[in-house]
Amino acid sequence: KEVEVPMYIGSEEVTTGNKIAMTPPHDHKHVL
């Protein structure tokens, strides 16, 4: 499952569109 993580500020889940990939250190070509 590929997830998208927002920032949590006050009551808002904030998205910016400036997305950075999260990858396992043991399999850095796979995107979590």
Full PDB file with SEQRES, HELIX, SHEET, SSBOND, CRYST1, ORIGX, SCALE, CONECT and MASTER records, all heavy atoms in Angstrom:
SEQRES   1 A   32  LYS GLU VAL GLU VAL PRO MET TYR ILE GLY SER GLU GLU          
SEQRES   2 A   32  VAL THR THR GLY ASN LYS ILE ALA MET THR PRO PRO HIS          
SEQRES   3 A   32  ASP HIS LYS HIS VAL LEU                                      
SHEET    1 AA1 2 MET A   7  ILE A   9  0                                        
SHEET    2 AA1 2 GLU A  12  VAL A  14 -1                                        
CRYST1    1.000    1.000    1.000  90.00  90.00  90.00 P 1           1          
ORIGX1      1.000000  0.000000  0.000000        0.00000                         
ORIGX2      0.000000  1.000000  0.000000        0.00000                         
ORIGX3      0.000000  0.000000  1.000000        0.00000                         
SCALE1      1.000000  0.000000  0.000000        0.00000                         
SCALE2      0.000000  1.000000  0.000000        0.00000                         
SCALE3      0.000000  0.000000  1.000000        0.00000                         
ATOM      1  N   LYS A   1       0.835  -1.206   0.000  1.00  0.00           N  
ATOM      2  CA  LYS A   1       0.000   0.000   0.000  1.00  0.00           C  
ATOM      3  C   LYS A   1       0.868   1.254   0.000  1.00  0.00           C  
ATOM      4  O   LYS A   1       1.649   1.481   0.914  1.00  0.00           O  
ATOM      5  CB  LYS A   1      -0.919   0.006   1.221  1.00  0.00           C  
ATOM      6  CG  LYS A   1      -1.866   1.189   1.263  1.00  0.00           C  
ATOM      7  CD  LYS A   1      -2.747   1.144   2.509  1.00  0.00           C  
ATOM      8  CE  LYS A   1      -3.675   2.357   2.562  1.00  0.00           C  
ATOM      9  NZ  LYS A   1      -4.509   2.353   3.791  1.00  0.00           N  
ATOM     10  N   GLU A   2       0.705   2.082  -1.019  1.00  0.00           N  
ATOM     11  CA  GLU A   2       1.420   3.356  -1.087  1.00  0.00           C  
ATOM     12  C   GLU A   2       0.615   4.421  -0.345  1.00  0.00           C  
ATOM     13  O   GLU A   2      -0.577   4.600  -0.609  1.00  0.00           O  
ATOM     14  CB  GLU A   2       1.619   3.755  -2.553  1.00  0.00           C  
ATOM     15  CG  GLU A   2       2.591   4.889  -2.757  1.00  0.00           C  
ATOM     16  CD  GLU A   2       2.879   5.129  -4.224  1.00  0.00           C  
ATOM     17  OE1 GLU A   2       3.622   4.316  -4.829  1.00  0.00           O  
ATOM     18  OE2 GLU A   2       2.359   6.125  -4.767  1.00  0.00           O  
ATOM     19  N   VAL A   3       1.266   5.118   0.583  1.00  0.00           N  
ATOM     20  CA  VAL A   3       0.557   6.084   1.418  1.00  0.00           C  
ATOM     21  C   VAL A   3       1.022   7.503   1.099  1.00  0.00           C  
ATOM     22  O   VAL A   3       2.101   7.719   0.542  1.00  0.00           O  
ATOM     23  CB  VAL A   3       0.762   5.807   2.923  1.00  0.00           C  
ATOM     24  CG1 VAL A   3       0.243   4.434   3.293  1.00  0.00           C  
ATOM     25  CG2 VAL A   3       2.233   5.949   3.307  1.00  0.00           C  
ATOM     26  N   GLU A   4       0.187   8.463   1.459  1.00  0.00           N  
ATOM     27  CA  GLU A   4       0.517   9.874   1.310  1.00  0.00           C  
ATOM     28  C   GLU A   4       0.362  10.526   2.672  1.00  0.00           C  
ATOM     29  O   GLU A   4      -0.714  10.471   3.278  1.00  0.00           O  
ATOM     30  CB  GLU A   4      -0.395  10.523   0.275  1.00  0.00           C  
ATOM     31  CG  GLU A   4       0.116  11.844  -0.233  1.00  0.00           C  
ATOM     32  CD  GLU A   4      -0.548  12.256  -1.546  1.00  0.00           C  
ATOM     33  OE1 GLU A   4      -0.533  11.446  -2.505  1.00  0.00           O  
ATOM     34  OE2 GLU A   4      -1.070  13.376  -1.587  1.00  0.00           O  
ATOM     35  N   VAL A   5       1.417  11.136   3.166  1.00  0.00           N  
ATOM     36  CA  VAL A   5       1.454  11.630   4.541  1.00  0.00           C  
ATOM     37  C   VAL A   5       1.379  13.156   4.558  1.00  0.00           C  
ATOM     38  O   VAL A   5       2.269  13.826   4.017  1.00  0.00           O  
ATOM     39  CB  VAL A   5       2.734  11.159   5.254  1.00  0.00           C  
ATOM     40  CG1 VAL A   5       2.773  11.677   6.686  1.00  0.00           C  
ATOM     41  CG2 VAL A   5       2.830   9.636   5.238  1.00  0.00           C  
ATOM     42  N   PRO A   6       0.345  13.709   5.199  1.00  0.00           N  
ATOM     43  CA  PRO A   6       0.244  15.157   5.330  1.00  0.00           C  
ATOM     44  C   PRO A   6       0.964  15.642   6.587  1.00  0.00           C  
ATOM     45  O   PRO A   6       1.331  14.857   7.458  1.00  0.00           O  
ATOM     46  CB  PRO A   6      -1.261  15.364   5.471  1.00  0.00           C  
ATOM     47  CG  PRO A   6      -1.697  14.160   6.269  1.00  0.00           C  
ATOM     48  CD  PRO A   6      -0.822  13.019   5.798  1.00  0.00           C  
ATOM     49  N   MET A   7       1.134  16.942   6.689  1.00  0.00           N  
ATOM     50  CA  MET A   7       1.504  17.546   7.964  1.00  0.00           C  
ATOM     51  C   MET A   7       0.238  17.713   8.793  1.00  0.00           C  
ATOM     52  O   MET A   7      -0.855  17.880   8.242  1.00  0.00           O  
ATOM     53  CB  MET A   7       2.193  18.897   7.743  1.00  0.00           C  
ATOM     54  CG  MET A   7       3.551  18.780   7.085  1.00  0.00           C  
ATOM     55  SD  MET A   7       4.392  20.384   6.878  1.00  0.00           S  
ATOM     56  CE  MET A   7       3.453  21.077   5.521  1.00  0.00           C  
ATOM     57  N   TYR A   8       0.387  17.654  10.110  1.00  0.00           N  
ATOM     58  CA  TYR A   8      -0.759  17.810  11.022  1.00  0.00           C  
ATOM     59  C   TYR A   8      -0.576  19.118  11.784  1.00  0.00           C  
ATOM     60  O   TYR A   8       0.248  19.198  12.703  1.00  0.00           O  
ATOM     61  CB  TYR A   8      -0.836  16.632  11.984  1.00  0.00           C  
ATOM     62  CG  TYR A   8      -1.105  15.299  11.325  1.00  0.00           C  
ATOM     63  CD1 TYR A   8      -0.057  14.554  10.768  1.00  0.00           C  
ATOM     64  CD2 TYR A   8      -2.388  14.772  11.253  1.00  0.00           C  
ATOM     65  CE1 TYR A   8      -0.286  13.326  10.168  1.00  0.00           C  
ATOM     66  CE2 TYR A   8      -2.637  13.542  10.656  1.00  0.00           C  
ATOM     67  CZ  TYR A   8      -1.584  12.824  10.113  1.00  0.00           C  
ATOM     68  OH  TYR A   8      -1.813  11.609   9.515  1.00  0.00           O  
ATOM     69  N   ILE A   9      -1.313  20.138  11.383  1.00  0.00           N  
ATOM     70  CA  ILE A   9      -1.190  21.461  11.983  1.00  0.00           C  
ATOM     71  C   ILE A   9      -2.563  21.903  12.477  1.00  0.00           C  
ATOM     72  O   ILE A   9      -3.488  22.083  11.681  1.00  0.00           O  
ATOM     73  CB  ILE A   9      -0.629  22.488  10.977  1.00  0.00           C  
ATOM     74  CG1 ILE A   9       0.733  22.014  10.430  1.00  0.00           C  
ATOM     75  CG2 ILE A   9      -0.491  23.853  11.639  1.00  0.00           C  
ATOM     76  CD1 ILE A   9       1.313  22.917   9.357  1.00  0.00           C  
ATOM     77  N   GLY A  10      -2.680  22.064  13.788  1.00  0.00           N  
ATOM     78  CA  GLY A  10      -3.989  22.394  14.345  1.00  0.00           C  
ATOM     79  C   GLY A  10      -5.000  21.327  13.973  1.00  0.00           C  
ATOM     80  O   GLY A  10      -4.766  20.127  14.168  1.00  0.00           O  
ATOM     81  N   SER A  11      -6.105  21.737  13.406  1.00  0.00           N  
ATOM     82  CA  SER A  11      -7.149  20.800  12.996  1.00  0.00           C  
ATOM     83  C   SER A  11      -6.985  20.332  11.555  1.00  0.00           C  
ATOM     84  O   SER A  11      -7.786  19.536  11.063  1.00  0.00           O  
ATOM     85  CB  SER A  11      -8.524  21.462  13.146  1.00  0.00           C  
ATOM     86  OG  SER A  11      -8.615  22.607  12.309  1.00  0.00           O  
ATOM     87  N   GLU A  12      -5.945  20.791  10.871  1.00  0.00           N  
ATOM     88  CA  GLU A  12      -5.798  20.529   9.438  1.00  0.00           C  
ATOM     89  C   GLU A  12      -4.765  19.448   9.150  1.00  0.00           C  
ATOM     90  O   GLU A  12      -3.751  19.333   9.843  1.00  0.00           O  
ATOM     91  CB  GLU A  12      -5.375  21.814   8.711  1.00  0.00           C  
ATOM     92  CG  GLU A  12      -6.370  22.954   8.787  1.00  0.00           C  
ATOM     93  CD  GLU A  12      -5.898  24.158   7.997  1.00  0.00           C  
ATOM     94  OE1 GLU A  12      -5.397  23.965   6.859  1.00  0.00           O  
ATOM     95  OE2 GLU A  12      -5.999  25.275   8.512  1.00  0.00           O  
ATOM     96  N   GLU A  13      -5.045  18.675   8.118  1.00  0.00           N  
ATOM     97  CA  GLU A  13      -4.056  17.799   7.510  1.00  0.00           C  
ATOM     98  C   GLU A  13      -3.576  18.511   6.249  1.00  0.00           C  
ATOM     99  O   GLU A  13      -4.293  18.624   5.268  1.00  0.00           O  
ATOM    100  CB  GLU A  13      -4.645  16.429   7.195  1.00  0.00           C  
ATOM    101  CG  GLU A  13      -5.051  15.656   8.452  1.00  0.00           C  
ATOM    102  CD  GLU A  13      -5.524  14.243   8.151  1.00  0.00           C  
ATOM    103  OE1 GLU A  13      -5.436  13.806   6.980  1.00  0.00           O  
ATOM    104  OE2 GLU A  13      -5.986  13.574   9.092  1.00  0.00           O  
ATOM    105  N   VAL A  14      -2.356  19.028   6.317  1.00  0.00           N  
ATOM    106  CA  VAL A  14      -1.867  19.972   5.316  1.00  0.00           C  
ATOM    107  C   VAL A  14      -1.058  19.251   4.244  1.00  0.00           C  
ATOM    108  O   VAL A  14      -0.089  18.543   4.545  1.00  0.00           O  
ATOM    109  CB  VAL A  14      -1.011  21.063   5.982  1.00  0.00           C  
ATOM    110  CG1 VAL A  14      -0.457  22.027   4.932  1.00  0.00           C  
ATOM    111  CG2 VAL A  14      -1.825  21.814   7.027  1.00  0.00           C  
ATOM    112  N   THR A  15      -1.444  19.449   3.003  1.00  0.00           N  
ATOM    113  CA  THR A  15      -0.676  18.948   1.864  1.00  0.00           C  
ATOM    114  C   THR A  15      -0.162  20.139   1.065  1.00  0.00           C  
ATOM    115  O   THR A  15      -0.812  21.177   0.993  1.00  0.00           O  
ATOM    116  CB  THR A  15      -1.535  18.044   0.970  1.00  0.00           C  
ATOM    117  OG1 THR A  15      -2.693  18.764   0.533  1.00  0.00           O  
ATOM    118  CG2 THR A  15      -2.000  16.809   1.728  1.00  0.00           C  
ATOM    119  N   THR A  16       1.017  19.967   0.473  1.00  0.00           N  
ATOM    120  CA  THR A  16       1.646  21.077  -0.243  1.00  0.00           C  
ATOM    121  C   THR A  16       1.885  20.787  -1.714  1.00  0.00           C  
ATOM    122  O   THR A  16       2.137  21.705  -2.493  1.00  0.00           O  
ATOM    123  CB  THR A  16       3.003  21.417   0.395  1.00  0.00           C  
ATOM    124  OG1 THR A  16       3.892  20.298   0.228  1.00  0.00           O  
ATOM    125  CG2 THR A  16       2.852  21.750   1.869  1.00  0.00           C  
ATOM    126  N   GLY A  17       1.837  19.517  -2.081  1.00  0.00           N  
ATOM    127  CA  GLY A  17       2.178  19.150  -3.450  1.00  0.00           C  
ATOM    128  C   GLY A  17       3.661  18.927  -3.652  1.00  0.00           C  
ATOM    129  O   GLY A  17       4.082  18.341  -4.658  1.00  0.00           O  
ATOM    130  N   ASN A  18       4.484  19.361  -2.699  1.00  0.00           N  
ATOM    131  CA  ASN A  18       5.923  19.119  -2.770  1.00  0.00           C  
ATOM    132  C   ASN A  18       6.198  17.783  -2.083  1.00  0.00           C  
ATOM    133  O   ASN A  18       6.506  17.725  -0.893  1.00  0.00           O  
ATOM    134  CB  ASN A  18       6.686  20.258  -2.092  1.00  0.00           C  
ATOM    135  CG  ASN A  18       8.192  20.099  -2.239  1.00  0.00           C  
ATOM    136  OD1 ASN A  18       8.682  19.371  -3.102  1.00  0.00           O  
ATOM    137  ND2 ASN A  18       8.940  20.778  -1.377  1.00  0.00           N  
ATOM    138  N   LYS A  19       6.073  16.716  -2.850  1.00  0.00           N  
ATOM    139  CA  LYS A  19       6.089  15.372  -2.271  1.00  0.00           C  
ATOM    140  C   LYS A  19       7.488  14.749  -2.330  1.00  0.00           C  
ATOM    141  O   LYS A  19       8.159  14.815  -3.354  1.00  0.00           O  
ATOM    142  CB  LYS A  19       5.070  14.479  -2.993  1.00  0.00           C  
ATOM    143  CG  LYS A  19       3.633  14.962  -2.827  1.00  0.00           C  
ATOM    144  CD  LYS A  19       2.621  13.921  -3.243  1.00  0.00           C  
ATOM    145  CE  LYS A  19       2.605  13.696  -4.730  1.00  0.00           C  
ATOM    146  NZ  LYS A  19       1.492  12.776  -5.124  1.00  0.00           N  
ATOM    147  N   ILE A  20       7.862  14.144  -1.207  1.00  0.00           N  
ATOM    148  CA  ILE A  20       9.146  13.461  -1.095  1.00  0.00           C  
ATOM    149  C   ILE A  20       8.890  11.977  -0.856  1.00  0.00           C  
ATOM    150  O   ILE A  20       8.083  11.602   0.006  1.00  0.00           O  
ATOM    151  CB  ILE A  20       9.989  14.063   0.050  1.00  0.00           C  
ATOM    152  CG1 ILE A  20      10.339  15.523  -0.273  1.00  0.00           C  
ATOM    153  CG2 ILE A  20      11.255  13.235   0.281  1.00  0.00           C  
ATOM    154  CD1 ILE A  20      11.145  16.216   0.806  1.00  0.00           C  
ATOM    155  N   ALA A  21       9.578  11.143  -1.618  1.00  0.00           N  
ATOM    156  CA  ALA A  21       9.360   9.699  -1.546  1.00  0.00           C  
ATOM    157  C   ALA A  21       9.939   9.115  -0.268  1.00  0.00           C  
ATOM    158  O   ALA A  21      10.992   9.548   0.214  1.00  0.00           O  
ATOM    159  CB  ALA A  21       9.967   9.016  -2.757  1.00  0.00           C  
ATOM    160  N   MET A  22       9.234   8.113   0.273  1.00  0.00           N  
ATOM    161  CA  MET A  22       9.718   7.327   1.403  1.00  0.00           C  
ATOM    162  C   MET A  22      10.038   5.928   0.886  1.00  0.00           C  
ATOM    163  O   MET A  22       9.156   5.243   0.338  1.00  0.00           O  
ATOM    164  CB  MET A  22       8.655   7.270   2.510  1.00  0.00           C  
ATOM    165  CG  MET A  22       8.279   8.628   3.065  1.00  0.00           C  
ATOM    166  SD  MET A  22       6.956   8.561   4.327  1.00  0.00           S  
ATOM    167  CE  MET A  22       5.549   8.126   3.282  1.00  0.00           C  
ATOM    168  N   THR A  23      11.295   5.498   1.052  1.00  0.00           N  
ATOM    169  CA  THR A  23      11.730   4.209   0.526  1.00  0.00           C  
ATOM    170  C   THR A  23      12.406   3.395   1.618  1.00  0.00           C  
ATOM    171  O   THR A  23      13.066   3.951   2.496  1.00  0.00           O  
ATOM    172  CB  THR A  23      12.729   4.403  -0.637  1.00  0.00           C  
ATOM    173  OG1 THR A  23      13.870   5.126  -0.158  1.00  0.00           O  
ATOM    174  CG2 THR A  23      12.094   5.192  -1.773  1.00  0.00           C  
ATOM    175  N   PRO A  24      12.253   2.072   1.600  1.00  0.00           N  
ATOM    176  CA  PRO A  24      12.941   1.248   2.593  1.00  0.00           C  
ATOM    177  C   PRO A  24      14.455   1.301   2.385  1.00  0.00           C  
ATOM    178  O   PRO A  24      14.924   1.168   1.247  1.00  0.00           O  
ATOM    179  CB  PRO A  24      12.402  -0.165   2.327  1.00  0.00           C  
ATOM    180  CG  PRO A  24      11.180   0.028   1.489  1.00  0.00           C  
ATOM    181  CD  PRO A  24      11.405   1.277   0.702  1.00  0.00           C  
ATOM    182  N   PRO A  25      15.235   1.484   3.450  1.00  0.00           N  
ATOM    183  CA  PRO A  25      16.695   1.493   3.283  1.00  0.00           C  
ATOM    184  C   PRO A  25      17.237   0.195   2.694  1.00  0.00           C  
ATOM    185  O   PRO A  25      18.283   0.212   2.028  1.00  0.00           O  
ATOM    186  CB  PRO A  25      17.206   1.700   4.712  1.00  0.00           C  
ATOM    187  CG  PRO A  25      16.082   2.391   5.420  1.00  0.00           C  
ATOM    188  CD  PRO A  25      14.837   1.815   4.828  1.00  0.00           C  
ATOM    189  N   HIS A  26      16.535  -0.902   2.907  1.00  0.00           N  
ATOM    190  CA  HIS A  26      16.996  -2.193   2.406  1.00  0.00           C  
ATOM    191  C   HIS A  26      16.502  -2.485   0.987  1.00  0.00           C  
ATOM    192  O   HIS A  26      16.857  -3.508   0.403  1.00  0.00           O  
ATOM    193  CB  HIS A  26      16.541  -3.318   3.349  1.00  0.00           C  
ATOM    194  CG  HIS A  26      15.076  -3.285   3.662  1.00  0.00           C  
ATOM    195  ND1 HIS A  26      14.572  -2.521   4.684  1.00  0.00           N  
ATOM    196  CD2 HIS A  26      14.014  -3.900   3.082  1.00  0.00           C  
ATOM    197  CE1 HIS A  26      13.260  -2.680   4.736  1.00  0.00           C  
ATOM    198  NE2 HIS A  26      12.902  -3.488   3.768  1.00  0.00           N  
ATOM    199  N   ASP A  27      15.684  -1.602   0.444  1.00  0.00           N  
ATOM    200  CA  ASP A  27      15.145  -1.785  -0.912  1.00  0.00           C  
ATOM    201  C   ASP A  27      14.806  -0.405  -1.456  1.00  0.00           C  
ATOM    202  O   ASP A  27      13.646  -0.034  -1.613  1.00  0.00           O  
ATOM    203  CB  ASP A  27      13.906  -2.684  -0.853  1.00  0.00           C  
ATOM    204  CG  ASP A  27      13.375  -3.054  -2.236  1.00  0.00           C  
ATOM    205  OD1 ASP A  27      14.037  -2.724  -3.238  1.00  0.00           O  
ATOM    206  OD2 ASP A  27      12.279  -3.654  -2.305  1.00  0.00           O  
ATOM    207  N   HIS A  28      15.843   0.383  -1.744  1.00  0.00           N  
ATOM    208  CA  HIS A  28      15.638   1.816  -1.977  1.00  0.00           C  
ATOM    209  C   HIS A  28      14.961   2.142  -3.308  1.00  0.00           C  
ATOM    210  O   HIS A  28      14.635   3.301  -3.556  1.00  0.00           O  
ATOM    211  CB  HIS A  28      16.956   2.583  -1.844  1.00  0.00           C  
ATOM    212  CG  HIS A  28      18.109   2.026  -2.626  1.00  0.00           C  
ATOM    213  ND1 HIS A  28      18.124   1.945  -3.995  1.00  0.00           N  
ATOM    214  CD2 HIS A  28      19.303   1.526  -2.205  1.00  0.00           C  
ATOM    215  CE1 HIS A  28      19.270   1.432  -4.402  1.00  0.00           C  
ATOM    216  NE2 HIS A  28      20.011   1.163  -3.335  1.00  0.00           N  
ATOM    217  N   LYS A  29      14.717   1.144  -4.145  1.00  0.00           N  
ATOM    218  CA  LYS A  29      13.973   1.413  -5.376  1.00  0.00           C  
ATOM    219  C   LYS A  29      12.466   1.257  -5.183  1.00  0.00           C  
ATOM    220  O   LYS A  29      11.673   1.636  -6.062  1.00  0.00           O  
ATOM    221  CB  LYS A  29      14.467   0.499  -6.498  1.00  0.00           C  
ATOM    222  CG  LYS A  29      15.900   0.789  -6.947  1.00  0.00           C  
ATOM    223  CD  LYS A  29      16.323  -0.112  -8.095  1.00  0.00           C  
ATOM    224  CE  LYS A  29      17.711   0.289  -8.614  1.00  0.00           C  
ATOM    225  NZ  LYS A  29      18.755   0.151  -7.599  1.00  0.00           N  
ATOM    226  N   HIS A  30      12.055   0.698  -4.039  1.00  0.00           N  
ATOM    227  CA  HIS A  30      10.631   0.539  -3.752  1.00  0.00           C  
ATOM    228  C   HIS A  30      10.122   1.769  -3.009  1.00  0.00           C  
ATOM    229  O   HIS A  30      10.776   2.272  -2.097  1.00  0.00           O  
ATOM    230  CB  HIS A  30      10.393  -0.713  -2.905  1.00  0.00           C  
ATOM    231  CG  HIS A  30       8.952  -0.919  -2.545  1.00  0.00           C  
ATOM    232  ND1 HIS A  30       8.031  -1.398  -3.442  1.00  0.00           N  
ATOM    233  CD2 HIS A  30       8.275  -0.686  -1.389  1.00  0.00           C  
ATOM    234  CE1 HIS A  30       6.847  -1.467  -2.853  1.00  0.00           C  
ATOM    235  NE2 HIS A  30       6.968  -1.032  -1.620  1.00  0.00           N  
ATOM    236  N   VAL A  31       8.953   2.263  -3.405  1.00  0.00           N  
ATOM    237  CA  VAL A  31       8.372   3.453  -2.790  1.00  0.00           C  
ATOM    238  C   VAL A  31       7.219   3.050  -1.874  1.00  0.00           C  
ATOM    239  O   VAL A  31       6.248   2.428  -2.315  1.00  0.00           O  
ATOM    240  CB  VAL A  31       7.882   4.459  -3.855  1.00  0.00           C  
ATOM    241  CG1 VAL A  31       7.207   5.654  -3.190  1.00  0.00           C  
ATOM    242  CG2 VAL A  31       9.057   4.934  -4.711  1.00  0.00           C  
ATOM    243  N   LEU A  32       7.358   3.400  -0.591  1.00  0.00           N  
ATOM    244  CA  LEU A  32       6.287   3.133   0.377  1.00  0.00           C  
ATOM    245  C   LEU A  32       5.204   4.202   0.316  1.00  0.00           C  
ATOM    246  O   LEU A  32       4.066   3.961   0.721  1.00  0.00           O  
ATOM    247  CB  LEU A  32       6.869   3.104   1.788  1.00  0.00           C  
ATOM    248  CG  LEU A  32       7.867   1.992   2.100  1.00  0.00           C  
ATOM    249  CD1 LEU A  32       8.553   2.265   3.431  1.00  0.00           C  
ATOM    250  CD2 LEU A  32       7.167   0.640   2.117  1.00  0.00           C  
TER     251      LEU A  32                                                      
MASTER        0    0    0    0    2    0    0    6  250    1    0    3          
END                                                                             
